[in-house]
Amino acid sequence: VYFKATMNLIILSNALFFFIISSHVTDPTKRFEKSHQALTINFIYLGVYLFEIFLKLIALGPVYFFRSHWNVFDFVVITAGFIIQLFEIKSEYLTFVIPFRFIRL
């Protein structure tokens, strides 16, 4: 119960951070440029989400973990977000993945 509540608070704080960063971009040509601090914070959130997936994989085992559609959804969204961030992909067609993190609530 506490783990899920903590993760929900982290997701809410990530949504707030995403909204604040997105609302300060007024020039559409600079839509995908973020400051070093914003990228670092985003990596931290992704790291927390990856750690959550890792803990669930250990607790449930891979077979039971991937039986849940929500776990598969989390795995795909977080992995895609991590790949986009890691390789600094700046495409509006791929960055649509980021808001899907917040559907987890």
Protein backbone atom coordinates (compact mmCIF):
# COMPACT_ATOMS: atom_id res chain seq x y z
CA VAL A 1 0.00 0.00 0.00
CA TYR A 2 2.77 2.45 0.93
CA PHE A 3 4.82 1.53 -2.12
CA LYS A 4 1.91 2.22 -4.48
CA ALA A 5 1.07 5.50 -2.72
CA THR A 6 4.71 6.59 -2.92
CA MET A 7 4.87 5.74 -6.62
CA ASN A 8 1.64 7.68 -7.25
CA LEU A 9 3.15 10.74 -5.52
CA ILE A 10 6.28 10.40 -7.66
CA ILE A 11 4.14 10.17 -10.81
CA LEU A 12 2.17 13.27 -9.75
CA SER A 13 5.37 15.21 -9.08
CA ASN A 14 6.69 14.11 -12.49
CA ALA A 15 3.49 15.32 -14.15
CA LEU A 16 3.82 18.68 -12.39
CA PHE A 17 7.48 18.94 -13.45
CA PHE A 18 6.56 18.05 -17.05
CA PHE A 19 3.78 20.68 -17.08
CA ILE A 20 6.07 23.39 -15.70
CA ILE A 21 8.83 22.65 -18.22
CA SER A 22 6.37 22.44 -21.12
CA SER A 23 4.56 25.64 -20.21
CA HIS A 24 7.75 27.71 -20.40
CA VAL A 25 8.36 26.86 -24.05
CA THR A 26 6.83 29.63 -26.12
CA ASP A 27 8.84 29.17 -29.30
CA PRO A 28 7.67 26.04 -31.18
CA THR A 29 11.09 25.66 -32.83
CA LYS A 30 12.64 25.13 -29.37
CA ARG A 31 10.03 22.61 -28.28
CA PHE A 32 12.50 19.78 -27.78
CA GLU A 33 15.37 21.76 -26.27
CA LYS A 34 15.63 21.30 -22.53
CA SER A 35 18.09 22.54 -20.00
CA HIS A 36 20.71 20.26 -18.52
CA GLN A 37 18.87 20.36 -15.18
CA ALA A 38 15.58 19.32 -16.79
CA LEU A 39 17.25 16.40 -18.54
CA THR A 40 18.91 15.31 -15.30
CA ILE A 41 15.63 15.44 -13.39
CA ASN A 42 13.93 13.49 -16.17
CA PHE A 43 16.65 10.81 -15.94
CA ILE A 44 16.06 10.61 -12.19
CA TYR A 45 12.33 10.03 -12.71
CA LEU A 46 13.06 7.40 -15.35
CA GLY A 47 15.51 5.75 -12.98
CA VAL A 48 12.86 5.57 -10.27
CA TYR A 49 10.38 4.05 -12.72
CA LEU A 50 12.96 1.52 -13.91
CA PHE A 51 13.71 0.62 -10.29
CA GLU A 52 9.98 0.10 -9.69
CA ILE A 53 9.80 -2.25 -12.69
CA PHE A 54 12.91 -4.08 -11.45
CA LEU A 55 11.36 -4.56 -8.00
CA LYS A 56 8.11 -5.83 -9.50
CA LEU A 57 10.01 -8.24 -11.74
CA ILE A 58 11.84 -9.64 -8.72
CA ALA A 59 8.73 -9.84 -6.56
CA LEU A 60 6.40 -11.32 -9.18
CA GLY A 61 8.81 -13.08 -11.48
CA PRO A 62 8.88 -12.41 -15.22
CA VAL A 63 5.99 -14.74 -16.05
CA TYR A 64 3.52 -13.13 -13.63
CA PHE A 65 4.87 -9.65 -14.25
CA PHE A 66 4.14 -9.79 -17.98
CA ARG A 67 0.67 -11.30 -17.47
CA SER A 68 -0.57 -7.95 -16.24
CA HIS A 69 -1.44 -5.58 -19.07
CA TRP A 70 -0.58 -2.58 -16.85
CA ASN A 71 2.89 -3.98 -16.17
CA VAL A 72 3.46 -4.50 -19.90
CA PHE A 73 2.21 -0.96 -20.53
CA ASP A 74 4.59 0.41 -17.85
CA PHE A 75 7.48 -1.59 -19.24
CA VAL A 76 6.95 -0.37 -22.82
CA VAL A 77 6.38 3.29 -21.90
CA ILE A 78 9.29 3.54 -19.47
CA THR A 79 11.68 1.63 -21.72
CA ALA A 80 10.73 3.82 -24.69
CA GLY A 81 11.13 6.95 -22.58
CA PHE A 82 14.54 5.79 -21.38
CA ILE A 83 15.70 5.04 -24.96
CA ILE A 84 14.44 8.42 -26.18
CA GLN A 85 16.25 10.18 -23.34
CA LEU A 86 19.42 8.10 -23.57
CA PHE A 87 19.93 8.65 -27.29
CA GLU A 88 18.61 12.23 -27.14
CA ILE A 89 15.98 11.57 -29.79
CA LYS A 90 14.28 14.85 -30.60
CA SER A 91 11.29 13.83 -32.63
CA GLU A 92 7.75 14.90 -32.00
CA TYR A 93 6.66 11.47 -33.24
CA LEU A 94 8.59 9.66 -30.51
CA THR A 95 8.28 12.09 -27.60
CA PHE A 96 4.54 11.51 -27.49
CA VAL A 97 5.45 8.61 -25.18
CA ILE A 98 6.32 10.90 -22.26
CA PRO A 99 2.76 11.91 -21.28
CA PHE A 100 1.74 8.25 -21.24
CA ARG A 101 3.71 7.88 -18.01
CA PHE A 102 0.93 9.76 -16.26
CA ILE A 103 -1.81 7.35 -17.37
CA ARG A 104 -0.40 4.95 -14.79
CA LEU A 105 -2.36 6.79 -12.10
